[in-house]
Amino acid sequence: SASWPHLAAWRLRIAQRRAVRRVIDAMIDFLRGASRPVPT
């Protein structure tokens, strides 16, 4: 967010959308179940 503040703010806006969360939450659950890294 220090290097690309506009892009980081955009990413948070998109990540808060219900349709987006529905998909990435399932992906995150799969990654965690496989002990794989998840974006911070």
Full PDB file with SEQRES, HELIX, SHEET, SSBOND, CRYST1, ORIGX, SCALE, CONECT and MASTER records, all heavy atoms in Angstrom:
SEQRES   1 A   40  SER ALA SER TRP PRO HIS LEU ALA ALA TRP ARG LEU ARG          
SEQRES   2 A   40  ILE ALA GLN ARG ARG ALA VAL ARG ARG VAL ILE ASP ALA          
SEQRES   3 A   40  MET ILE ASP PHE LEU ARG GLY ALA SER ARG PRO VAL PRO          
SEQRES   4 A   40  THR                                                          
HELIX    1 AA1 PRO A    5  ALA A   15  1                                  11    
HELIX    2 AA2 ARG A   18  GLY A   33  1                                  16    
CRYST1    1.000    1.000    1.000  90.00  90.00  90.00 P 1           1          
ORIGX1      1.000000  0.000000  0.000000        0.00000                         
ORIGX2      0.000000  1.000000  0.000000        0.00000                         
ORIGX3      0.000000  0.000000  1.000000        0.00000                         
SCALE1      1.000000  0.000000  0.000000        0.00000                         
SCALE2      0.000000  1.000000  0.000000        0.00000                         
SCALE3      0.000000  0.000000  1.000000        0.00000                         
ATOM      1  N   SER A   1       0.834  -1.208   0.000  1.00  0.00           N  
ATOM      2  CA  SER A   1       0.000   0.000   0.000  1.00  0.00           C  
ATOM      3  C   SER A   1       0.866   1.253   0.000  1.00  0.00           C  
ATOM      4  O   SER A   1       0.415   2.315  -0.435  1.00  0.00           O  
ATOM      5  CB  SER A   1      -0.933   0.000   1.213  1.00  0.00           C  
ATOM      6  OG  SER A   1      -0.191  -0.076   2.413  1.00  0.00           O  
ATOM      7  N   ALA A   2       2.109   1.141   0.462  1.00  0.00           N  
ATOM      8  CA  ALA A   2       3.018   2.286   0.435  1.00  0.00           C  
ATOM      9  C   ALA A   2       3.482   2.572  -0.992  1.00  0.00           C  
ATOM     10  O   ALA A   2       3.577   3.733  -1.408  1.00  0.00           O  
ATOM     11  CB  ALA A   2       4.222   2.019   1.338  1.00  0.00           C  
ATOM     12  N   SER A   3       3.760   1.523  -1.751  1.00  0.00           N  
ATOM     13  CA  SER A   3       4.244   1.701  -3.123  1.00  0.00           C  
ATOM     14  C   SER A   3       3.123   1.949  -4.120  1.00  0.00           C  
ATOM     15  O   SER A   3       3.289   2.722  -5.071  1.00  0.00           O  
ATOM     16  CB  SER A   3       5.038   0.465  -3.559  1.00  0.00           C  
ATOM     17  OG  SER A   3       6.164   0.252  -2.736  1.00  0.00           O  
ATOM     18  N   TRP A   4       1.975   1.282  -3.909  1.00  0.00           N  
ATOM     19  CA  TRP A   4       0.863   1.375  -4.863  1.00  0.00           C  
ATOM     20  C   TRP A   4      -0.442   1.611  -4.095  1.00  0.00           C  
ATOM     21  O   TRP A   4      -1.307   0.716  -4.018  1.00  0.00           O  
ATOM     22  CB  TRP A   4       0.782   0.081  -5.686  1.00  0.00           C  
ATOM     23  CG  TRP A   4       2.074  -0.237  -6.383  1.00  0.00           C  
ATOM     24  CD1 TRP A   4       2.630   0.418  -7.442  1.00  0.00           C  
ATOM     25  CD2 TRP A   4       2.984  -1.306  -6.058  1.00  0.00           C  
ATOM     26  NE1 TRP A   4       3.820  -0.165  -7.805  1.00  0.00           N  
ATOM     27  CE2 TRP A   4       4.067  -1.229  -6.973  1.00  0.00           C  
ATOM     28  CE3 TRP A   4       2.995  -2.308  -5.092  1.00  0.00           C  
ATOM     29  CZ2 TRP A   4       5.141  -2.114  -6.937  1.00  0.00           C  
ATOM     30  CZ3 TRP A   4       4.064  -3.198  -5.065  1.00  0.00           C  
ATOM     31  CH2 TRP A   4       5.117  -3.101  -5.964  1.00  0.00           C  
ATOM     32  N   PRO A   5      -0.616   2.792  -3.522  1.00  0.00           N  
ATOM     33  CA  PRO A   5      -1.775   3.031  -2.636  1.00  0.00           C  
ATOM     34  C   PRO A   5      -3.113   2.934  -3.338  1.00  0.00           C  
ATOM     35  O   PRO A   5      -4.084   2.428  -2.759  1.00  0.00           O  
ATOM     36  CB  PRO A   5      -1.525   4.448  -2.108  1.00  0.00           C  
ATOM     37  CG  PRO A   5      -0.623   5.091  -3.124  1.00  0.00           C  
ATOM     38  CD  PRO A   5       0.248   3.983  -3.634  1.00  0.00           C  
ATOM     39  N   HIS A   6      -3.207   3.418  -4.579  1.00  0.00           N  
ATOM     40  CA  HIS A   6      -4.490   3.377  -5.298  1.00  0.00           C  
ATOM     41  C   HIS A   6      -4.866   1.933  -5.620  1.00  0.00           C  
ATOM     42  O   HIS A   6      -6.033   1.537  -5.492  1.00  0.00           O  
ATOM     43  CB  HIS A   6      -4.414   4.204  -6.583  1.00  0.00           C  
ATOM     44  CG  HIS A   6      -3.923   5.600  -6.370  1.00  0.00           C  
ATOM     45  ND1 HIS A   6      -4.596   6.513  -5.592  1.00  0.00           N  
ATOM     46  CD2 HIS A   6      -2.804   6.234  -6.817  1.00  0.00           C  
ATOM     47  CE1 HIS A   6      -3.938   7.661  -5.580  1.00  0.00           C  
ATOM     48  NE2 HIS A   6      -2.845   7.505  -6.315  1.00  0.00           N  
ATOM     49  N   LEU A   7      -3.879   1.161  -6.007  1.00  0.00           N  
ATOM     50  CA  LEU A   7      -4.126  -0.237  -6.350  1.00  0.00           C  
ATOM     51  C   LEU A   7      -4.495  -1.045  -5.103  1.00  0.00           C  
ATOM     52  O   LEU A   7      -5.399  -1.880  -5.144  1.00  0.00           O  
ATOM     53  CB  LEU A   7      -2.878  -0.822  -7.011  1.00  0.00           C  
ATOM     54  CG  LEU A   7      -2.972  -2.243  -7.567  1.00  0.00           C  
ATOM     55  CD1 LEU A   7      -4.104  -2.359  -8.579  1.00  0.00           C  
ATOM     56  CD2 LEU A   7      -1.644  -2.649  -8.200  1.00  0.00           C  
ATOM     57  N   ALA A   8      -3.813  -0.793  -3.996  1.00  0.00           N  
ATOM     58  CA  ALA A   8      -4.118  -1.510  -2.759  1.00  0.00           C  
ATOM     59  C   ALA A   8      -5.533  -1.197  -2.278  1.00  0.00           C  
ATOM     60  O   ALA A   8      -6.253  -2.081  -1.806  1.00  0.00           O  
ATOM     61  CB  ALA A   8      -3.097  -1.162  -1.682  1.00  0.00           C  
ATOM     62  N   ALA A   9      -5.950   0.071  -2.400  1.00  0.00           N  
ATOM     63  CA  ALA A   9      -7.308   0.454  -2.005  1.00  0.00           C  
ATOM     64  C   ALA A   9      -8.334  -0.208  -2.919  1.00  0.00           C  
ATOM     65  O   ALA A   9      -9.393  -0.657  -2.463  1.00  0.00           O  
ATOM     66  CB  ALA A   9      -7.449   1.970  -2.039  1.00  0.00           C  
ATOM     67  N   TRP A  10      -8.021  -0.252  -4.215  1.00  0.00           N  
ATOM     68  CA  TRP A  10      -8.919  -0.941  -5.168  1.00  0.00           C  
ATOM     69  C   TRP A  10      -9.066  -2.402  -4.784  1.00  0.00           C  
ATOM     70  O   TRP A  10     -10.182  -2.941  -4.781  1.00  0.00           O  
ATOM     71  CB  TRP A  10      -8.333  -0.817  -6.576  1.00  0.00           C  
ATOM     72  CG  TRP A  10      -8.902  -1.768  -7.580  1.00  0.00           C  
ATOM     73  CD1 TRP A  10     -10.013  -1.586  -8.350  1.00  0.00           C  
ATOM     74  CD2 TRP A  10      -8.370  -3.061  -7.936  1.00  0.00           C  
ATOM     75  NE1 TRP A  10     -10.211  -2.683  -9.160  1.00  0.00           N  
ATOM     76  CE2 TRP A  10      -9.216  -3.599  -8.936  1.00  0.00           C  
ATOM     77  CE3 TRP A  10      -7.273  -3.801  -7.523  1.00  0.00           C  
ATOM     78  CZ2 TRP A  10      -8.995  -4.852  -9.497  1.00  0.00           C  
ATOM     79  CZ3 TRP A  10      -7.049  -5.050  -8.084  1.00  0.00           C  
ATOM     80  CH2 TRP A  10      -7.902  -5.566  -9.060  1.00  0.00           C  
ATOM     81  N   ARG A  11      -7.968  -3.066  -4.446  1.00  0.00           N  
ATOM     82  CA  ARG A  11      -8.019  -4.483  -4.118  1.00  0.00           C  
ATOM     83  C   ARG A  11      -8.923  -4.746  -2.916  1.00  0.00           C  
ATOM     84  O   ARG A  11      -9.693  -5.699  -2.905  1.00  0.00           O  
ATOM     85  CB  ARG A  11      -6.608  -5.012  -3.844  1.00  0.00           C  
ATOM     86  CG  ARG A  11      -6.596  -6.492  -3.477  1.00  0.00           C  
ATOM     87  CD  ARG A  11      -5.200  -7.053  -3.439  1.00  0.00           C  
ATOM     88  NE  ARG A  11      -4.396  -6.488  -2.366  1.00  0.00           N  
ATOM     89  CZ  ARG A  11      -3.132  -6.850  -2.116  1.00  0.00           C  
ATOM     90  NH1 ARG A  11      -2.547  -7.744  -2.884  1.00  0.00           N  
ATOM     91  NH2 ARG A  11      -2.470  -6.306  -1.129  1.00  0.00           N  
ATOM     92  N   LEU A  12      -8.847  -3.899  -1.917  1.00  0.00           N  
ATOM     93  CA  LEU A  12      -9.707  -4.073  -0.743  1.00  0.00           C  
ATOM     94  C   LEU A  12     -11.176  -3.885  -1.109  1.00  0.00           C  
ATOM     95  O   LEU A  12     -12.040  -4.598  -0.597  1.00  0.00           O  
ATOM     96  CB  LEU A  12      -9.302  -3.099   0.356  1.00  0.00           C  
ATOM     97  CG  LEU A  12      -7.976  -3.417   1.060  1.00  0.00           C  
ATOM     98  CD1 LEU A  12      -7.655  -2.347   2.094  1.00  0.00           C  
ATOM     99  CD2 LEU A  12      -8.018  -4.789   1.715  1.00  0.00           C  
ATOM    100  N   ARG A  13     -11.456  -2.927  -1.996  1.00  0.00           N  
ATOM    101  CA  ARG A  13     -12.854  -2.732  -2.428  1.00  0.00           C  
ATOM    102  C   ARG A  13     -13.380  -3.974  -3.121  1.00  0.00           C  
ATOM    103  O   ARG A  13     -14.511  -4.408  -2.870  1.00  0.00           O  
ATOM    104  CB  ARG A  13     -12.961  -1.525  -3.373  1.00  0.00           C  
ATOM    105  CG  ARG A  13     -12.915  -0.176  -2.706  1.00  0.00           C  
ATOM    106  CD  ARG A  13     -13.356   0.927  -3.646  1.00  0.00           C  
ATOM    107  NE  ARG A  13     -12.445   1.085  -4.776  1.00  0.00           N  
ATOM    108  CZ  ARG A  13     -11.345   1.839  -4.749  1.00  0.00           C  
ATOM    109  NH1 ARG A  13     -11.008   2.486  -3.641  1.00  0.00           N  
ATOM    110  NH2 ARG A  13     -10.577   1.954  -5.818  1.00  0.00           N  
ATOM    111  N   ILE A  14     -12.575  -4.538  -4.017  1.00  0.00           N  
ATOM    112  CA  ILE A  14     -13.028  -5.717  -4.756  1.00  0.00           C  
ATOM    113  C   ILE A  14     -13.172  -6.905  -3.810  1.00  0.00           C  
ATOM    114  O   ILE A  14     -14.137  -7.684  -3.896  1.00  0.00           O  
ATOM    115  CB  ILE A  14     -12.056  -6.058  -5.899  1.00  0.00           C  
ATOM    116  CG1 ILE A  14     -11.871  -4.856  -6.833  1.00  0.00           C  
ATOM    117  CG2 ILE A  14     -12.557  -7.270  -6.687  1.00  0.00           C  
ATOM    118  CD1 ILE A  14     -13.143  -4.319  -7.440  1.00  0.00           C  
ATOM    119  N   ALA A  15     -12.230  -7.061  -2.883  1.00  0.00           N  
ATOM    120  CA  ALA A  15     -12.244  -8.206  -1.970  1.00  0.00           C  
ATOM    121  C   ALA A  15     -13.466  -8.206  -1.061  1.00  0.00           C  
ATOM    122  O   ALA A  15     -13.845  -9.255  -0.541  1.00  0.00           O  
ATOM    123  CB  ALA A  15     -10.968  -8.217  -1.128  1.00  0.00           C  
ATOM    124  N   GLN A  16     -14.079  -7.050  -0.866  1.00  0.00           N  
ATOM    125  CA  GLN A  16     -15.243  -6.958   0.014  1.00  0.00           C  
ATOM    126  C   GLN A  16     -16.556  -7.294  -0.682  1.00  0.00           C  
ATOM    127  O   GLN A  16     -17.594  -7.409  -0.022  1.00  0.00           O  
ATOM    128  CB  GLN A  16     -15.322  -5.550   0.607  1.00  0.00           C  
ATOM    129  CG  GLN A  16     -14.196  -5.266   1.600  1.00  0.00           C  
ATOM    130  CD  GLN A  16     -14.085  -3.792   1.952  1.00  0.00           C  
ATOM    131  OE1 GLN A  16     -14.834  -2.955   1.442  1.00  0.00           O  
ATOM    132  NE2 GLN A  16     -13.141  -3.458   2.815  1.00  0.00           N  
ATOM    133  N   ARG A  17     -16.530  -7.484  -1.986  1.00  0.00           N  
ATOM    134  CA  ARG A  17     -17.750  -7.811  -2.700  1.00  0.00           C  
ATOM    135  C   ARG A  17     -18.186  -9.231  -2.355  1.00  0.00           C  
ATOM    136  O   ARG A  17     -17.356 -10.154  -2.304  1.00  0.00           O  
ATOM    137  CB  ARG A  17     -17.563  -7.662  -4.217  1.00  0.00           C  
ATOM    138  CG  ARG A  17     -17.262  -6.233  -4.662  1.00  0.00           C  
ATOM    139  CD  ARG A  17     -17.242  -6.130  -6.176  1.00  0.00           C  
ATOM    140  NE  ARG A  17     -18.570  -6.329  -6.730  1.00  0.00           N  
ATOM    141  CZ  ARG A  17     -19.453  -5.352  -6.948  1.00  0.00           C  
ATOM    142  NH1 ARG A  17     -19.168  -4.099  -6.630  1.00  0.00           N  
ATOM    143  NH2 ARG A  17     -20.635  -5.629  -7.479  1.00  0.00           N  
ATOM    144  N   ARG A  18     -19.478  -9.425  -2.165  1.00  0.00           N  
ATOM    145  CA  ARG A  18     -19.987 -10.725  -1.719  1.00  0.00           C  
ATOM    146  C   ARG A  18     -19.658 -11.833  -2.705  1.00  0.00           C  
ATOM    147  O   ARG A  18     -19.245 -12.934  -2.303  1.00  0.00           O  
ATOM    148  CB  ARG A  18     -21.504 -10.634  -1.507  1.00  0.00           C  
ATOM    149  CG  ARG A  18     -22.121 -11.924  -1.006  1.00  0.00           C  
ATOM    150  CD  ARG A  18     -23.601 -11.746  -0.728  1.00  0.00           C  
ATOM    151  NE  ARG A  18     -23.834 -10.754   0.316  1.00  0.00           N  
ATOM    152  CZ  ARG A  18     -25.042 -10.386   0.741  1.00  0.00           C  
ATOM    153  NH1 ARG A  18     -26.131 -10.926   0.199  1.00  0.00           N  
ATOM    154  NH2 ARG A  18     -25.168  -9.493   1.689  1.00  0.00           N  
ATOM    155  N   ALA A  19     -19.827 -11.573  -3.997  1.00  0.00           N  
ATOM    156  CA  ALA A  19     -19.555 -12.605  -4.996  1.00  0.00           C  
ATOM    157  C   ALA A  19     -18.083 -12.986  -5.008  1.00  0.00           C  
ATOM    158  O   ALA A  19     -17.728 -14.157  -5.194  1.00  0.00           O  
ATOM    159  CB  ALA A  19     -19.979 -12.119  -6.382  1.00  0.00           C  
ATOM    160  N   VAL A  20     -17.218 -12.006  -4.805  1.00  0.00           N  
ATOM    161  CA  VAL A  20     -15.779 -12.272  -4.787  1.00  0.00           C  
ATOM    162  C   VAL A  20     -15.419 -13.090  -3.554  1.00  0.00           C  
ATOM    163  O   VAL A  20     -14.696 -14.089  -3.641  1.00  0.00           O  
ATOM    164  CB  VAL A  20     -14.989 -10.949  -4.828  1.00  0.00           C  
ATOM    165  CG1 VAL A  20     -13.494 -11.197  -4.656  1.00  0.00           C  
ATOM    166  CG2 VAL A  20     -15.263 -10.214  -6.140  1.00  0.00           C  
ATOM    167  N   ARG A  21     -15.933 -12.688  -2.382  1.00  0.00           N  
ATOM    168  CA  ARG A  21     -15.621 -13.413  -1.156  1.00  0.00           C  
ATOM    169  C   ARG A  21     -16.091 -14.861  -1.234  1.00  0.00           C  
ATOM    170  O   ARG A  21     -15.418 -15.770  -0.742  1.00  0.00           O  
ATOM    171  CB  ARG A  21     -16.288 -12.739   0.048  1.00  0.00           C  
ATOM    172  CG  ARG A  21     -15.782 -11.387   0.414  1.00  0.00           C  
ATOM    173  CD  ARG A  21     -14.333 -11.317   0.782  1.00  0.00           C  
ATOM    174  NE  ARG A  21     -13.829 -12.405   1.594  1.00  0.00           N  
ATOM    175  CZ  ARG A  21     -12.620 -12.396   2.153  1.00  0.00           C  
ATOM    176  NH1 ARG A  21     -11.846 -11.338   2.003  1.00  0.00           N  
ATOM    177  NH2 ARG A  21     -12.193 -13.403   2.856  1.00  0.00           N  
ATOM    178  N   ARG A  22     -17.226 -15.067  -1.861  1.00  0.00           N  
ATOM    179  CA  ARG A  22     -17.773 -16.418  -1.960  1.00  0.00           C  
ATOM    180  C   ARG A  22     -16.797 -17.351  -2.664  1.00  0.00           C  
ATOM    181  O   ARG A  22     -16.637 -18.520  -2.285  1.00  0.00           O  
ATOM    182  CB  ARG A  22     -19.107 -16.365  -2.710  1.00  0.00           C  
ATOM    183  CG  ARG A  22     -19.827 -17.684  -2.820  1.00  0.00           C  
ATOM    184  CD  ARG A  22     -21.211 -17.460  -3.396  1.00  0.00           C  
ATOM    185  NE  ARG A  22     -21.931 -18.719  -3.567  1.00  0.00           N  
ATOM    186  CZ  ARG A  22     -23.182 -18.799  -3.998  1.00  0.00           C  
ATOM    187  NH1 ARG A  22     -23.845 -17.693  -4.302  1.00  0.00           N  
ATOM    188  NH2 ARG A  22     -23.775 -19.970  -4.137  1.00  0.00           N  
ATOM    189  N   VAL A  23     -16.124 -16.836  -3.666  1.00  0.00           N  
ATOM    190  CA  VAL A  23     -15.198 -17.653  -4.445  1.00  0.00           C  
ATOM    191  C   VAL A  23     -13.834 -17.748  -3.775  1.00  0.00           C  
ATOM    192  O   VAL A  23     -13.268 -18.837  -3.636  1.00  0.00           O  
ATOM    193  CB  VAL A  23     -15.072 -17.102  -5.879  1.00  0.00           C  
ATOM    194  CG1 VAL A  23     -14.000 -17.853  -6.662  1.00  0.00           C  
ATOM    195  CG2 VAL A  23     -16.422 -17.204  -6.596  1.00  0.00           C  
ATOM    196  N   ILE A  24     -13.283 -16.609  -3.336  1.00  0.00           N  
ATOM    197  CA  ILE A  24     -11.928 -16.683  -2.780  1.00  0.00           C  
ATOM    198  C   ILE A  24     -11.920 -17.319  -1.395  1.00  0.00           C  
ATOM    199  O   ILE A  24     -10.916 -17.921  -1.005  1.00  0.00           O  
ATOM    200  CB  ILE A  24     -11.221 -15.312  -2.769  1.00  0.00           C  
ATOM    201  CG1 ILE A  24     -11.909 -14.315  -1.843  1.00  0.00           C  
ATOM    202  CG2 ILE A  24     -11.084 -14.775  -4.178  1.00  0.00           C  
ATOM    203  CD1 ILE A  24     -11.081 -13.055  -1.620  1.00  0.00           C  
ATOM    204  N   ASP A  25     -13.023 -17.237  -0.648  1.00  0.00           N  
ATOM    205  CA  ASP A  25     -13.047 -17.914   0.652  1.00  0.00           C  
ATOM    206  C   ASP A  25     -12.924 -19.423   0.471  1.00  0.00           C  
ATOM    207  O   ASP A  25     -12.225 -20.096   1.244  1.00  0.00           O  
ATOM    208  CB  ASP A  25     -14.330 -17.577   1.411  1.00  0.00           C  
ATOM    209  CG  ASP A  25     -14.283 -16.193   2.050  1.00  0.00           C  
ATOM    210  OD1 ASP A  25     -13.209 -15.564   2.027  1.00  0.00           O  
ATOM    211  OD2 ASP A  25     -15.328 -15.744   2.564  1.00  0.00           O  
ATOM    212  N   ALA A  26     -13.596 -19.967  -0.547  1.00  0.00           N  
ATOM    213  CA  ALA A  26     -13.479 -21.402  -0.823  1.00  0.00           C  
ATOM    214  C   ALA A  26     -12.055 -21.745  -1.245  1.00  0.00           C  
ATOM    215  O   ALA A  26     -11.506 -22.786  -0.845  1.00  0.00           O  
ATOM    216  CB  ALA A  26     -14.472 -21.809  -1.902  1.00  0.00           C  
ATOM    217  N   MET A  27     -11.438 -20.871  -2.030  1.00  0.00           N  
ATOM    218  CA  MET A  27     -10.063 -21.105  -2.465  1.00  0.00           C  
ATOM    219  C   MET A  27      -9.094 -21.036  -1.284  1.00  0.00           C  
ATOM    220  O   MET A  27      -8.162 -21.846  -1.173  1.00  0.00           O  
ATOM    221  CB  MET A  27      -9.689 -20.075  -3.540  1.00  0.00           C  
ATOM    222  CG  MET A  27      -8.399 -20.370  -4.269  1.00  0.00           C  
ATOM    223  SD  MET A  27      -8.143 -19.234  -5.671  1.00  0.00           S  
ATOM    224  CE  MET A  27      -9.325 -19.904  -6.854  1.00  0.00           C  
ATOM    225  N   ILE A  28      -9.326 -20.083  -0.390  1.00  0.00           N  
ATOM    226  CA  ILE A  28      -8.485 -19.948   0.800  1.00  0.00           C  
ATOM    227  C   ILE A  28      -8.611 -21.178   1.695  1.00  0.00           C  
ATOM    228  O   ILE A  28      -7.617 -21.686   2.225  1.00  0.00           O  
ATOM    229  CB  ILE A  28      -8.854 -18.661   1.556  1.00  0.00           C  
ATOM    230  CG1 ILE A  28      -8.391 -17.439   0.758  1.00  0.00           C  
ATOM    231  CG2 ILE A  28      -8.240 -18.642   2.956  1.00  0.00           C  
ATOM    232  CD1 ILE A  28      -8.994 -16.135   1.236  1.00  0.00           C  
ATOM    233  N   ASP A  29      -9.837 -21.660   1.862  1.00  0.00           N  
ATOM    234  CA  ASP A  29     -10.033 -22.867   2.667  1.00  0.00           C  
ATOM    235  C   ASP A  29      -9.255 -24.038   2.076  1.00  0.00           C  
ATOM    236  O   ASP A  29      -8.655 -24.835   2.810  1.00  0.00           O  
ATOM    237  CB  ASP A  29     -11.522 -23.218   2.752  1.00  0.00           C  
ATOM    238  CG  ASP A  29     -12.297 -22.264   3.655  1.00  0.00           C  
ATOM    239  OD1 ASP A  29     -11.664 -21.535   4.443  1.00  0.00           O  
ATOM    240  OD2 ASP A  29     -13.546 -22.257   3.556  1.00  0.00           O  
ATOM    241  N   PHE A  30      -9.273 -24.160   0.761  1.00  0.00           N  
ATOM    242  CA  PHE A  30      -8.542 -25.249   0.113  1.00  0.00           C  
ATOM    243  C   PHE A  30      -7.042 -25.095   0.344  1.00  0.00           C  
ATOM    244  O   PHE A  30      -6.346 -26.071   0.661  1.00  0.00           O  
ATOM    245  CB  PHE A  30      -8.840 -25.268  -1.389  1.00  0.00           C  
ATOM    246  CG  PHE A  30      -8.181 -26.397  -2.123  1.00  0.00           C  
ATOM    247  CD1 PHE A  30      -8.799 -27.629  -2.228  1.00  0.00           C  
ATOM    248  CD2 PHE A  30      -6.929 -26.229  -2.704  1.00  0.00           C  
ATOM    249  CE1 PHE A  30      -8.184 -28.684  -2.892  1.00  0.00           C  
ATOM    250  CE2 PHE A  30      -6.310 -27.284  -3.367  1.00  0.00           C  
ATOM    251  CZ  PHE A  30      -6.940 -28.509  -3.462  1.00  0.00           C  
ATOM    252  N   LEU A  31      -6.530 -23.877   0.198  1.00  0.00           N  
ATOM    253  CA  LEU A  31      -5.100 -23.634   0.392  1.00  0.00           C  
ATOM    254  C   LEU A  31      -4.676 -23.940   1.819  1.00  0.00           C  
ATOM    255  O   LEU A  31      -3.650 -24.593   2.052  1.00  0.00           O  
ATOM    256  CB  LEU A  31      -4.769 -22.179   0.046  1.00  0.00           C  
ATOM    257  CG  LEU A  31      -4.796 -21.820  -1.440  1.00  0.00           C  
ATOM    258  CD1 LEU A  31      -4.769 -20.313  -1.616  1.00  0.00           C  
ATOM    259  CD2 LEU A  31      -3.610 -22.460  -2.159  1.00  0.00           C  
ATOM    260  N   ARG A  32      -5.462 -23.491   2.773  1.00  0.00           N  
ATOM    261  CA  ARG A  32      -5.120 -23.742   4.168  1.00  0.00           C  
ATOM    262  C   ARG A  32      -5.179 -25.223   4.492  1.00  0.00           C  
ATOM    263  O   ARG A  32      -4.344 -25.743   5.238  1.00  0.00           O  
ATOM    264  CB  ARG A  32      -6.055 -22.947   5.072  1.00  0.00           C  
ATOM    265  CG  ARG A  32      -5.732 -21.448   5.073  1.00  0.00           C  
ATOM    266  CD  ARG A  32      -6.677 -20.665   5.937  1.00  0.00           C  
ATOM    267  NE  ARG A  32      -6.253 -19.258   6.039  1.00  0.00           N  
ATOM    268  CZ  ARG A  32      -7.057 -18.244   6.289  1.00  0.00           C  
ATOM    269  NH1 ARG A  32      -8.354 -18.458   6.479  1.00  0.00           N  
ATOM    270  NH2 ARG A  32      -6.579 -17.007   6.365  1.00  0.00           N  
ATOM    271  N   GLY A  33      -6.148 -25.922   3.909  1.00  0.00           N  
ATOM    272  CA  GLY A  33      -6.248 -27.357   4.129  1.00  0.00           C  
ATOM    273  C   GLY A  33      -5.061 -28.116   3.582  1.00  0.00           C  
ATOM    274  O   GLY A  33      -4.714 -29.190   4.074  1.00  0.00           O  
ATOM    275  N   ALA A  34      -4.428 -27.536   2.548  1.00  0.00           N  
ATOM    276  CA  ALA A  34      -3.248 -28.156   1.950  1.00  0.00           C  
ATOM    277  C   ALA A  34      -1.955 -27.559   2.503  1.00  0.00           C  
ATOM    278  O   ALA A  34      -0.873 -27.840   1.981  1.00  0.00           O  
ATOM    279  CB  ALA A  34      -3.287 -27.984   0.430  1.00  0.00           C  
ATOM    280  N   SER A  35      -2.073 -26.732   3.552  1.00  0.00           N  
ATOM    281  CA  SER A  35      -0.907 -26.070   4.185  1.00  0.00           C  
ATOM    282  C   SER A  35      -0.122 -25.247   3.171  1.00  0.00           C  
ATOM    283  O   SER A  35       1.118 -25.241   3.169  1.00  0.00           O  
ATOM    284  CB  SER A  35       0.000 -27.115   4.854  1.00  0.00           C  
ATOM    285  OG  SER A  35      -0.707 -27.816   5.858  1.00  0.00           O  
ATOM    286  N   ARG A  36      -0.847 -24.526   2.323  1.00  0.00           N  
ATOM    287  CA  ARG A  36      -0.239 -23.668   1.313  1.00  0.00           C  
ATOM    288  C   ARG A  36      -0.441 -22.204   1.691  1.00  0.00           C  
ATOM    289  O   ARG A  36      -1.400 -21.860   2.384  1.00  0.00           O  
ATOM    290  CB  ARG A  36      -0.857 -23.947  -0.059  1.00  0.00           C  
ATOM    291  CG  ARG A  36      -0.563 -25.352  -0.576  1.00  0.00           C  
ATOM    292  CD  ARG A  36       0.892 -25.499  -0.948  1.00  0.00           C  
ATOM    293  NE  ARG A  36       1.258 -26.857  -1.283  1.00  0.00           N  
ATOM    294  CZ  ARG A  36       2.045 -27.173  -2.324  1.00  0.00           C  
ATOM    295  NH1 ARG A  36       2.513 -26.234  -3.098  1.00  0.00           N  
ATOM    296  NH2 ARG A  36       2.359 -28.441  -2.543  1.00  0.00           N  
ATOM    297  N   PRO A  37       0.449 -21.312   1.223  1.00  0.00           N  
ATOM    298  CA  PRO A  37       0.354 -19.902   1.613  1.00  0.00           C  
ATOM    299  C   PRO A  37      -0.904 -19.229   1.087  1.00  0.00           C  
ATOM    300  O   PRO A  37      -1.403 -19.552   0.004  1.00  0.00           O  
ATOM    301  CB  PRO A  37       1.618 -19.282   1.009  1.00  0.00           C  
ATOM    302  CG  PRO A  37       2.027 -20.215  -0.091  1.00  0.00           C  
ATOM    303  CD  PRO A  37       1.612 -21.579   0.369  1.00  0.00           C  
ATOM    304  N   VAL A  38      -1.377 -18.298   1.900  1.00  0.00           N  
ATOM    305  CA  VAL A  38      -2.548 -17.485   1.554  1.00  0.00           C  
ATOM    306  C   VAL A  38      -2.117 -16.032   1.561  1.00  0.00           C  
ATOM    307  O   VAL A  38      -1.362 -15.616   2.451  1.00  0.00           O  
ATOM    308  CB  VAL A  38      -3.688 -17.722   2.582  1.00  0.00           C  
ATOM    309  CG1 VAL A  38      -4.843 -16.766   2.327  1.00  0.00           C  
ATOM    310  CG2 VAL A  38      -4.164 -19.163   2.531  1.00  0.00           C  
ATOM    311  N   PRO A  39      -2.541 -15.221   0.595  1.00  0.00           N  
ATOM    312  CA  PRO A  39      -2.165 -13.795   0.611  1.00  0.00           C  
ATOM    313  C   PRO A  39      -2.515 -13.139   1.947  1.00  0.00           C  
ATOM    314  O   PRO A  39      -3.604 -13.356   2.478  1.00  0.00           O  
ATOM    315  CB  PRO A  39      -2.975 -13.209  -0.547  1.00  0.00           C  
ATOM    316  CG  PRO A  39      -3.197 -14.354  -1.468  1.00  0.00           C  
ATOM    317  CD  PRO A  39      -3.349 -15.557  -0.583  1.00  0.00           C  
ATOM    318  N   THR A  40      -1.626 -12.326   2.458  1.00  0.00           N  
ATOM    319  CA  THR A  40      -1.806 -11.737   3.779  1.00  0.00           C  
ATOM    320  C   THR A  40      -3.010 -10.795   3.849  1.00  0.00           C  
ATOM    321  O   THR A  40      -3.618 -10.648   4.902  1.00  0.00           O  
ATOM    322  CB  THR A  40      -0.556 -10.981   4.215  1.00  0.00           C  
ATOM    323  OG1 THR A  40      -0.229  -9.994   3.208  1.00  0.00           O  
ATOM    324  CG2 THR A  40       0.630 -11.931   4.361  1.00  0.00           C  
TER     325      THR A  40                                                      
MASTER        0    0    0    2    0    0    0    6  324    1    0    4          
END                                                                             
